[in-house]
Amino acid sequence: MLSSRGPALCTALRRAVPGGLASFHSSARRCRPARVAVVLSGCGVYDGTEIHEASAILVHLSRGGAEVQMYAPDVPQMHVIDHSKGQPAEAESRNVLVESARIARGKITSLAKLTTADHDAVIFPGGFGAAKNLSTFAVDGKDCKVNREVERVLKDFHKAGKPIGLCCISPVLAAKVLSGAEVTVGHEEEEGGKWPYAGTAGAIKELGAKHCVKEVTEAHVDTKNKVVTTPAFMCETALHHIFDGIGAMVKNVLKLTGK
């Protein structure tokens, strides 16, 4: 019965859809959701990924209809911080991939397997892990080195013309790897403690990147390099403002994918 209706159905589709079936199928392909990789750096603000930022990114990606896969480098953490005391736990050693799996609910993949062929964009949450485990910025500042796989991913996505999102301290990664990139970490003065990490803007300039002053609820879009950044917890403010800024970053990343 269905097969006998096939020709009639095709005719109806050709009449209903401008451009006929070819246009219909082309439109269906264009409707594929954006595939976004999220790169984690551990679990916990002082030695890994900032959990609120990672969660906000995932919520906004979900609302944007994106398909998400999480990655992390399979390397030891620089050190382990007791978050109840804010001090190093000298006797402990943890793995970045294993710790990141806590945020990913176990669905985590080694960063070595991340390729541009599988994804339309990549996003890096902040947290000190970006400056300790994905790079040595926390120790070496402008003279820092970036994890080899992180550097490869940034260069590959940039070369492929695919958007890169970063928030909080992680924009230093793009500043180091992508010459001349425009990024924001918020304001360039502490302003009575509201922007306690304002000095990072100076380091970004020393790395050869351009720093753009933005509010915590805003994102900066470097259209030339397809790099989108937002200050997040570089600012001492209410959580919902940080959530909104991350939303602006994610929205612009998804827009740049064209999906």
C-alpha atoms as a PDB file:
ATOM      1  CA  MET A   1       0.000   0.000   0.000  1.00  0.00           C
ATOM      2  CA  LEU A   2       2.788   2.411   0.977  1.00  0.00           C
ATOM      3  CA  SER A   3       4.800   1.651  -2.164  1.00  0.00           C
ATOM      4  CA  SER A   4       1.791   2.401  -4.355  1.00  0.00           C
ATOM      5  CA  ARG A   5       1.570   5.845  -2.756  1.00  0.00           C
ATOM      6  CA  GLY A   6       5.269   6.521  -3.290  1.00  0.00           C
ATOM      7  CA  PRO A   7       5.013   8.355  -6.649  1.00  0.00           C
ATOM      8  CA  ALA A   8       2.083  10.435  -5.448  1.00  0.00           C
ATOM      9  CA  LEU A   9       3.951  11.350  -2.270  1.00  0.00           C
ATOM     10  CA  CYS A  10       7.021  12.400  -4.245  1.00  0.00           C
ATOM     11  CA  THR A  11       4.878  14.516  -6.560  1.00  0.00           C
ATOM     12  CA  ALA A  12       3.232  16.185  -3.544  1.00  0.00           C
ATOM     13  CA  LEU A  13       6.631  16.941  -2.026  1.00  0.00           C
ATOM     14  CA  ARG A  14       7.894  18.413  -5.284  1.00  0.00           C
ATOM     15  CA  ARG A  15       4.890  20.702  -5.421  1.00  0.00           C
ATOM     16  CA  ALA A  16       5.020  21.640  -1.717  1.00  0.00           C
ATOM     17  CA  VAL A  17       8.743  22.265  -1.413  1.00  0.00           C
ATOM     18  CA  PRO A  18      10.306  25.004  -3.563  1.00  0.00           C
ATOM     19  CA  GLY A  19      13.123  23.442  -5.519  1.00  0.00           C
ATOM     20  CA  GLY A  20      11.646  19.957  -5.225  1.00  0.00           C
ATOM     21  CA  LEU A  21      13.110  16.931  -3.434  1.00  0.00           C
ATOM     22  CA  ALA A  22      16.725  18.024  -3.876  1.00  0.00           C
ATOM     23  CA  SER A  23      15.952  21.202  -1.963  1.00  0.00           C
ATOM     24  CA  PHE A  24      14.074  19.191   0.682  1.00  0.00           C
ATOM     25  CA  HIS A  25      17.006  16.855   1.318  1.00  0.00           C
ATOM     26  CA  SER A  26      19.509  19.718   1.211  1.00  0.00           C
ATOM     27  CA  SER A  27      17.460  21.542   3.831  1.00  0.00           C
ATOM     28  CA  ALA A  28      17.412  18.420   5.997  1.00  0.00           C
ATOM     29  CA  ARG A  29      21.210  18.233   5.850  1.00  0.00           C
ATOM     30  CA  ARG A  30      21.504  21.880   6.857  1.00  0.00           C
ATOM     31  CA  CYS A  31      19.344  21.186   9.913  1.00  0.00           C
ATOM     32  CA  ARG A  32      21.977  18.879  11.435  1.00  0.00           C
ATOM     33  CA  PRO A  33      22.770  20.152  14.944  1.00  0.00           C
ATOM     34  CA  ALA A  34      26.148  21.668  15.656  1.00  0.00           C
ATOM     35  CA  ARG A  35      28.647  19.193  17.078  1.00  0.00           C
ATOM     36  CA  VAL A  36      30.650  20.868  19.829  1.00  0.00           C
ATOM     37  CA  ALA A  37      33.682  19.578  21.712  1.00  0.00           C
ATOM     38  CA  VAL A  38      34.152  20.802  25.291  1.00  0.00           C
ATOM     39  CA  VAL A  39      37.695  20.517  26.652  1.00  0.00           C
ATOM     40  CA  LEU A  40      37.994  20.071  30.412  1.00  0.00           C
ATOM     41  CA  SER A  41      41.057  20.469  32.639  1.00  0.00           C
ATOM     42  CA  GLY A  42      40.124  18.498  35.742  1.00  0.00           C
ATOM     43  CA  CYS A  43      37.398  19.015  38.325  1.00  0.00           C
ATOM     44  CA  GLY A  44      37.443  21.949  40.724  1.00  0.00           C
ATOM     45  CA  VAL A  45      38.245  25.643  40.359  1.00  0.00           C
ATOM     46  CA  TYR A  46      41.676  25.672  42.050  1.00  0.00           C
ATOM     47  CA  ASP A  47      43.270  22.749  40.226  1.00  0.00           C
ATOM     48  CA  GLY A  48      40.920  21.907  37.355  1.00  0.00           C
ATOM     49  CA  THR A  49      37.799  23.044  35.509  1.00  0.00           C
ATOM     50  CA  GLU A  50      35.529  25.615  37.149  1.00  0.00           C
ATOM     51  CA  ILE A  51      32.445  23.457  37.620  1.00  0.00           C
ATOM     52  CA  HIS A  52      29.847  26.256  37.435  1.00  0.00           C
ATOM     53  CA  GLU A  53      31.337  27.396  34.133  1.00  0.00           C
ATOM     54  CA  ALA A  54      31.357  23.900  32.671  1.00  0.00           C
ATOM     55  CA  SER A  55      27.756  23.361  33.758  1.00  0.00           C
ATOM     56  CA  ALA A  56      26.653  26.703  32.296  1.00  0.00           C
ATOM     57  CA  ILE A  57      28.328  25.878  28.982  1.00  0.00           C
ATOM     58  CA  LEU A  58      26.591  22.511  28.834  1.00  0.00           C
ATOM     59  CA  VAL A  59      23.177  24.007  29.678  1.00  0.00           C
ATOM     60  CA  HIS A  60      23.476  26.690  27.001  1.00  0.00           C
ATOM     61  CA  LEU A  61      24.714  24.162  24.432  1.00  0.00           C
ATOM     62  CA  SER A  62      21.761  21.928  25.263  1.00  0.00           C
ATOM     63  CA  ARG A  63      19.338  24.809  24.833  1.00  0.00           C
ATOM     64  CA  GLY A  64      21.004  25.620  21.546  1.00  0.00           C
ATOM     65  CA  GLY A  65      20.360  22.088  20.313  1.00  0.00           C
ATOM     66  CA  ALA A  66      24.045  21.159  20.026  1.00  0.00           C
ATOM     67  CA  GLU A  67      25.521  17.687  20.243  1.00  0.00           C
ATOM     68  CA  VAL A  68      28.314  17.655  22.826  1.00  0.00           C
ATOM     69  CA  GLN A  69      31.342  15.473  23.445  1.00  0.00           C
ATOM     70  CA  MET A  70      33.723  16.171  26.314  1.00  0.00           C
ATOM     71  CA  TYR A  71      37.486  15.728  26.189  1.00  0.00           C
ATOM     72  CA  ALA A  72      40.479  16.149  28.490  1.00  0.00           C
ATOM     73  CA  PRO A  73      44.206  15.484  28.232  1.00  0.00           C
ATOM     74  CA  ASP A  74      45.357  12.206  29.747  1.00  0.00           C
ATOM     75  CA  VAL A  75      48.082  13.766  31.894  1.00  0.00           C
ATOM     76  CA  PRO A  76      48.816  14.253  35.610  1.00  0.00           C
ATOM     77  CA  GLN A  77      47.520  17.411  37.259  1.00  0.00           C
ATOM     78  CA  MET A  78      50.123  20.028  38.152  1.00  0.00           C
ATOM     79  CA  HIS A  79      49.081  19.487  41.779  1.00  0.00           C
ATOM     80  CA  VAL A  80      46.000  18.769  43.890  1.00  0.00           C
ATOM     81  CA  ILE A  81      44.325  21.498  45.935  1.00  0.00           C
ATOM     82  CA  ASP A  82      42.273  20.801  49.042  1.00  0.00           C
ATOM     83  CA  HIS A  83      39.339  23.045  48.142  1.00  0.00           C
ATOM     84  CA  SER A  84      38.156  23.265  51.761  1.00  0.00           C
ATOM     85  CA  LYS A  85      41.469  24.895  52.722  1.00  0.00           C
ATOM     86  CA  GLY A  86      42.700  26.359  49.440  1.00  0.00           C
ATOM     87  CA  GLN A  87      46.035  24.639  50.010  1.00  0.00           C
ATOM     88  CA  PRO A  88      47.977  21.916  48.152  1.00  0.00           C
ATOM     89  CA  ALA A  89      47.414  18.334  49.241  1.00  0.00           C
ATOM     90  CA  GLU A  90      51.063  17.310  49.135  1.00  0.00           C
ATOM     91  CA  ALA A  91      50.553  13.547  49.264  1.00  0.00           C
ATOM     92  CA  GLU A  92      47.995  13.390  46.428  1.00  0.00           C
ATOM     93  CA  SER A  93      48.350  12.975  42.680  1.00  0.00           C
ATOM     94  CA  ARG A  94      45.452  12.986  40.222  1.00  0.00           C
ATOM     95  CA  ASN A  95      44.927  12.532  36.491  1.00  0.00           C
ATOM     96  CA  VAL A  96      43.233  15.298  34.469  1.00  0.00           C
ATOM     97  CA  LEU A  97      41.201  12.896  32.305  1.00  0.00           C
ATOM     98  CA  VAL A  98      40.019  10.877  35.303  1.00  0.00           C
ATOM     99  CA  GLU A  99      39.029  13.985  37.266  1.00  0.00           C
ATOM    100  CA  SER A 100      37.270  15.530  34.260  1.00  0.00           C
ATOM    101  CA  ALA A 101      35.132  12.402  33.991  1.00  0.00           C
ATOM    102  CA  ARG A 102      33.360  13.565  37.168  1.00  0.00           C
ATOM    103  CA  ILE A 103      31.898  16.528  35.287  1.00  0.00           C
ATOM    104  CA  ALA A 104      31.239  14.487  32.142  1.00  0.00           C
ATOM    105  CA  ARG A 105      29.361  11.827  34.143  1.00  0.00           C
ATOM    106  CA  GLY A 106      31.884   9.315  32.854  1.00  0.00           C
ATOM    107  CA  LYS A 107      31.468  10.170  29.170  1.00  0.00           C
ATOM    108  CA  ILE A 108      34.943  11.563  28.554  1.00  0.00           C
ATOM    109  CA  THR A 109      37.468  10.993  25.769  1.00  0.00           C
ATOM    110  CA  SER A 110      41.199  11.595  25.613  1.00  0.00           C
ATOM    111  CA  LEU A 111      42.016  14.938  24.004  1.00  0.00           C
ATOM    112  CA  ALA A 112      44.402  13.132  21.660  1.00  0.00           C
ATOM    113  CA  LYS A 113      41.322  11.796  19.831  1.00  0.00           C
ATOM    114  CA  LEU A 114      39.702  15.182  19.211  1.00  0.00           C
ATOM    115  CA  THR A 115      39.656  16.143  15.527  1.00  0.00           C
ATOM    116  CA  THR A 116      38.072  18.959  13.538  1.00  0.00           C
ATOM    117  CA  ALA A 117      36.480  16.400  11.238  1.00  0.00           C
ATOM    118  CA  ASP A 118      34.161  15.293  14.042  1.00  0.00           C
ATOM    119  CA  HIS A 119      33.185  18.713  15.398  1.00  0.00           C
ATOM    120  CA  ASP A 120      31.954  22.115  14.278  1.00  0.00           C
ATOM    121  CA  ALA A 121      33.350  24.051  17.260  1.00  0.00           C
ATOM    122  CA  VAL A 122      35.374  23.677  20.441  1.00  0.00           C
ATOM    123  CA  ILE A 123      34.879  25.353  23.833  1.00  0.00           C
ATOM    124  CA  PHE A 124      37.274  25.631  26.773  1.00  0.00           C
ATOM    125  CA  PRO A 125      35.782  26.387  30.213  1.00  0.00           C
ATOM    126  CA  GLY A 126      37.947  28.215  32.731  1.00  0.00           C
ATOM    127  CA  GLY A 127      39.219  27.316  36.158  1.00  0.00           C
ATOM    128  CA  PHE A 128      42.853  27.234  37.254  1.00  0.00           C
ATOM    129  CA  GLY A 129      43.224  23.934  35.422  1.00  0.00           C
ATOM    130  CA  ALA A 130      43.440  25.888  32.166  1.00  0.00           C
ATOM    131  CA  ALA A 131      46.456  27.720  33.590  1.00  0.00           C
ATOM    132  CA  LYS A 132      47.968  24.714  35.384  1.00  0.00           C
ATOM    133  CA  ASN A 133      47.085  21.579  33.410  1.00  0.00           C
ATOM    134  CA  LEU A 134      46.360  22.855  29.892  1.00  0.00           C
ATOM    135  CA  SER A 135      49.268  25.294  30.099  1.00  0.00           C
ATOM    136  CA  THR A 136      51.884  26.585  32.522  1.00  0.00           C
ATOM    137  CA  PHE A 137      50.434  30.109  32.623  1.00  0.00           C
ATOM    138  CA  ALA A 138      49.868  29.961  36.396  1.00  0.00           C
ATOM    139  CA  VAL A 139      53.623  29.543  36.924  1.00  0.00           C
ATOM    140  CA  ASP A 140      55.229  31.123  33.867  1.00  0.00           C
ATOM    141  CA  GLY A 141      52.825  33.877  32.816  1.00  0.00           C
ATOM    142  CA  LYS A 142      53.601  35.271  29.350  1.00  0.00           C
ATOM    143  CA  ASP A 143      56.460  32.753  29.008  1.00  0.00           C
ATOM    144  CA  CYS A 144      54.082  29.826  29.460  1.00  0.00           C
ATOM    145  CA  LYS A 145      53.934  26.670  27.422  1.00  0.00           C
ATOM    146  CA  VAL A 146      50.676  25.115  26.225  1.00  0.00           C
ATOM    147  CA  ASN A 147      49.945  21.401  26.403  1.00  0.00           C
ATOM    148  CA  ARG A 148      50.840  19.860  23.041  1.00  0.00           C
ATOM    149  CA  GLU A 149      47.365  18.462  22.365  1.00  0.00           C
ATOM    150  CA  VAL A 150      45.677  21.707  23.416  1.00  0.00           C
ATOM    151  CA  GLU A 151      47.926  23.639  21.049  1.00  0.00           C
ATOM    152  CA  ARG A 152      47.171  21.184  18.236  1.00  0.00           C
ATOM    153  CA  VAL A 153      43.408  21.477  18.768  1.00  0.00           C
ATOM    154  CA  LEU A 154      43.492  25.278  18.812  1.00  0.00           C
ATOM    155  CA  LYS A 155      45.594  25.437  15.650  1.00  0.00           C
ATOM    156  CA  ASP A 156      43.529  22.792  13.853  1.00  0.00           C
ATOM    157  CA  PHE A 157      40.183  24.481  14.561  1.00  0.00           C
ATOM    158  CA  HIS A 158      41.623  27.869  13.649  1.00  0.00           C
ATOM    159  CA  LYS A 159      43.029  26.528  10.367  1.00  0.00           C
ATOM    160  CA  ALA A 160      39.698  24.862   9.582  1.00  0.00           C
ATOM    161  CA  GLY A 161      37.853  28.142  10.177  1.00  0.00           C
ATOM    162  CA  LYS A 162      35.796  26.601  12.964  1.00  0.00           C
ATOM    163  CA  PRO A 163      34.845  28.660  16.042  1.00  0.00           C
ATOM    164  CA  ILE A 164      36.660  28.460  19.366  1.00  0.00           C
ATOM    165  CA  GLY A 165      34.975  29.520  22.625  1.00  0.00           C
ATOM    166  CA  LEU A 166      36.849  30.286  25.842  1.00  0.00           C
ATOM    167  CA  CYS A 167      35.899  31.786  29.189  1.00  0.00           C
ATOM    168  CA  CYS A 168      37.465  32.998  32.437  1.00  0.00           C
ATOM    169  CA  ILE A 169      41.263  32.379  32.356  1.00  0.00           C
ATOM    170  CA  SER A 170      41.212  30.060  29.324  1.00  0.00           C
ATOM    171  CA  PRO A 171      41.439  32.922  26.753  1.00  0.00           C
ATOM    172  CA  VAL A 172      45.172  33.008  27.579  1.00  0.00           C
ATOM    173  CA  LEU A 173      45.423  29.749  25.620  1.00  0.00           C
ATOM    174  CA  ALA A 174      44.212  31.436  22.441  1.00  0.00           C
ATOM    175  CA  ALA A 175      46.371  34.481  23.175  1.00  0.00           C
ATOM    176  CA  LYS A 176      49.447  32.262  23.372  1.00  0.00           C
ATOM    177  CA  VAL A 177      48.739  29.980  20.409  1.00  0.00           C
ATOM    178  CA  LEU A 178      46.857  32.166  17.908  1.00  0.00           C
ATOM    179  CA  SER A 179      48.952  35.170  16.991  1.00  0.00           C
ATOM    180  CA  GLY A 180      47.022  38.431  16.989  1.00  0.00           C
ATOM    181  CA  ALA A 181      43.806  36.979  18.384  1.00  0.00           C
ATOM    182  CA  GLU A 182      41.320  39.283  20.113  1.00  0.00           C
ATOM    183  CA  VAL A 183      40.115  38.078  23.518  1.00  0.00           C
ATOM    184  CA  THR A 184      38.605  39.368  26.741  1.00  0.00           C
ATOM    185  CA  VAL A 185      39.073  38.521  30.395  1.00  0.00           C
ATOM    186  CA  GLY A 186      36.913  41.478  31.432  1.00  0.00           C
ATOM    187  CA  HIS A 187      38.347  44.744  32.751  1.00  0.00           C
ATOM    188  CA  GLU A 188      41.964  45.892  32.960  1.00  0.00           C
ATOM    189  CA  GLU A 189      41.783  47.421  36.463  1.00  0.00           C
ATOM    190  CA  GLU A 190      40.820  45.656  39.710  1.00  0.00           C
ATOM    191  CA  GLU A 191      38.260  48.328  40.595  1.00  0.00           C
ATOM    192  CA  GLY A 192      38.252  47.697  44.319  1.00  0.00           C
ATOM    193  CA  GLY A 193      38.361  43.924  43.998  1.00  0.00           C
ATOM    194  CA  LYS A 194      35.533  43.466  41.492  1.00  0.00           C
ATOM    195  CA  TRP A 195      38.075  42.301  38.894  1.00  0.00           C
ATOM    196  CA  PRO A 196      40.714  40.518  41.037  1.00  0.00           C
ATOM    197  CA  TYR A 197      42.534  38.980  38.056  1.00  0.00           C
ATOM    198  CA  ALA A 198      42.666  42.175  35.962  1.00  0.00           C
ATOM    199  CA  GLY A 199      46.429  41.799  35.606  1.00  0.00           C
ATOM    200  CA  THR A 200      45.795  38.927  33.202  1.00  0.00           C
ATOM    201  CA  ALA A 201      44.825  41.503  30.553  1.00  0.00           C
ATOM    202  CA  GLY A 202      48.392  42.836  30.630  1.00  0.00           C
ATOM    203  CA  ALA A 203      49.829  39.362  30.177  1.00  0.00           C
ATOM    204  CA  ILE A 204      47.521  38.801  27.207  1.00  0.00           C
ATOM    205  CA  LYS A 205      48.908  41.921  25.560  1.00  0.00           C
ATOM    206  CA  GLU A 206      52.457  40.730  26.238  1.00  0.00           C
ATOM    207  CA  LEU A 207      51.570  37.490  24.470  1.00  0.00           C
ATOM    208  CA  GLY A 208      50.839  39.514  21.338  1.00  0.00           C
ATOM    209  CA  ALA A 209      47.057  39.306  21.499  1.00  0.00           C
ATOM    210  CA  LYS A 210      44.596  42.183  21.690  1.00  0.00           C
ATOM    211  CA  HIS A 211      42.629  42.545  24.908  1.00  0.00           C
ATOM    212  CA  CYS A 212      39.102  43.920  24.614  1.00  0.00           C
ATOM    213  CA  VAL A 213      37.348  45.264  27.716  1.00  0.00           C
ATOM    214  CA  LYS A 214      33.966  43.627  28.256  1.00  0.00           C
ATOM    215  CA  GLU A 215      31.405  43.332  31.035  1.00  0.00           C
ATOM    216  CA  VAL A 216      30.827  39.972  32.690  1.00  0.00           C
ATOM    217  CA  THR A 217      27.501  39.526  30.888  1.00  0.00           C
ATOM    218  CA  GLU A 218      29.076  40.137  27.488  1.00  0.00           C
ATOM    219  CA  ALA A 219      31.142  38.138  25.024  1.00  0.00           C
ATOM    220  CA  HIS A 220      33.747  39.401  22.606  1.00  0.00           C
ATOM    221  CA  VAL A 221      33.646  37.985  19.081  1.00  0.00           C
ATOM    222  CA  ASP A 222      36.864  38.023  17.066  1.00  0.00           C
ATOM    223  CA  THR A 223      35.216  37.506  13.690  1.00  0.00           C
ATOM    224  CA  LYS A 224      38.501  37.202  11.806  1.00  0.00           C
ATOM    225  CA  ASN A 225      39.810  34.323  13.924  1.00  0.00           C
ATOM    226  CA  LYS A 226      36.381  33.004  15.005  1.00  0.00           C
ATOM    227  CA  VAL A 227      37.399  33.215  18.668  1.00  0.00           C
ATOM    228  CA  VAL A 228      34.646  34.016  21.194  1.00  0.00           C
ATOM    229  CA  THR A 229      35.488  34.866  24.818  1.00  0.00           C
ATOM    230  CA  THR A 230      33.732  36.005  28.009  1.00  0.00           C
ATOM    231  CA  PRO A 231      35.095  36.941  31.474  1.00  0.00           C
ATOM    232  CA  ALA A 232      33.030  34.580  33.675  1.00  0.00           C
ATOM    233  CA  PHE A 233      34.659  34.199  37.120  1.00  0.00           C
ATOM    234  CA  MET A 234      37.360  36.726  36.350  1.00  0.00           C
ATOM    235  CA  CYS A 235      34.728  39.009  37.895  1.00  0.00           C
ATOM    236  CA  GLU A 236      33.457  38.893  41.479  1.00  0.00           C
ATOM    237  CA  THR A 237      29.728  39.030  40.885  1.00  0.00           C
ATOM    238  CA  ALA A 238      26.476  37.109  41.218  1.00  0.00           C
ATOM    239  CA  LEU A 239      26.382  33.691  39.585  1.00  0.00           C
ATOM    240  CA  HIS A 240      23.527  34.538  37.229  1.00  0.00           C
ATOM    241  CA  HIS A 241      25.586  37.300  35.609  1.00  0.00           C
ATOM    242  CA  ILE A 242      28.346  34.781  34.882  1.00  0.00           C
ATOM    243  CA  PHE A 243      25.753  32.359  33.532  1.00  0.00           C
ATOM    244  CA  ASP A 244      24.418  35.053  31.191  1.00  0.00           C
ATOM    245  CA  GLY A 245      27.884  35.952  29.906  1.00  0.00           C
ATOM    246  CA  ILE A 246      28.647  32.322  29.170  1.00  0.00           C
ATOM    247  CA  GLY A 247      25.312  32.135  27.371  1.00  0.00           C
ATOM    248  CA  ALA A 248      26.386  35.022  25.146  1.00  0.00           C
ATOM    249  CA  MET A 249      29.636  33.224  24.368  1.00  0.00           C
ATOM    250  CA  VAL A 250      27.915  29.923  23.532  1.00  0.00           C
ATOM    251  CA  LYS A 251      25.270  31.651  21.421  1.00  0.00           C
ATOM    252  CA  ASN A 252      27.928  33.353  19.320  1.00  0.00           C
ATOM    253  CA  VAL A 253      29.967  30.163  18.960  1.00  0.00           C
ATOM    254  CA  LEU A 254      26.904  28.319  17.667  1.00  0.00           C
ATOM    255  CA  LYS A 255      26.086  31.200  15.335  1.00  0.00           C
ATOM    256  CA  LEU A 256      29.566  31.044  13.843  1.00  0.00           C
ATOM    257  CA  THR A 257      29.132  27.323  13.072  1.00  0.00           C
ATOM    258  CA  GLY A 258      26.360  28.225  10.629  1.00  0.00           C
ATOM    259  CA  LYS A 259      24.255  25.329  11.891  1.00  0.00           C
END
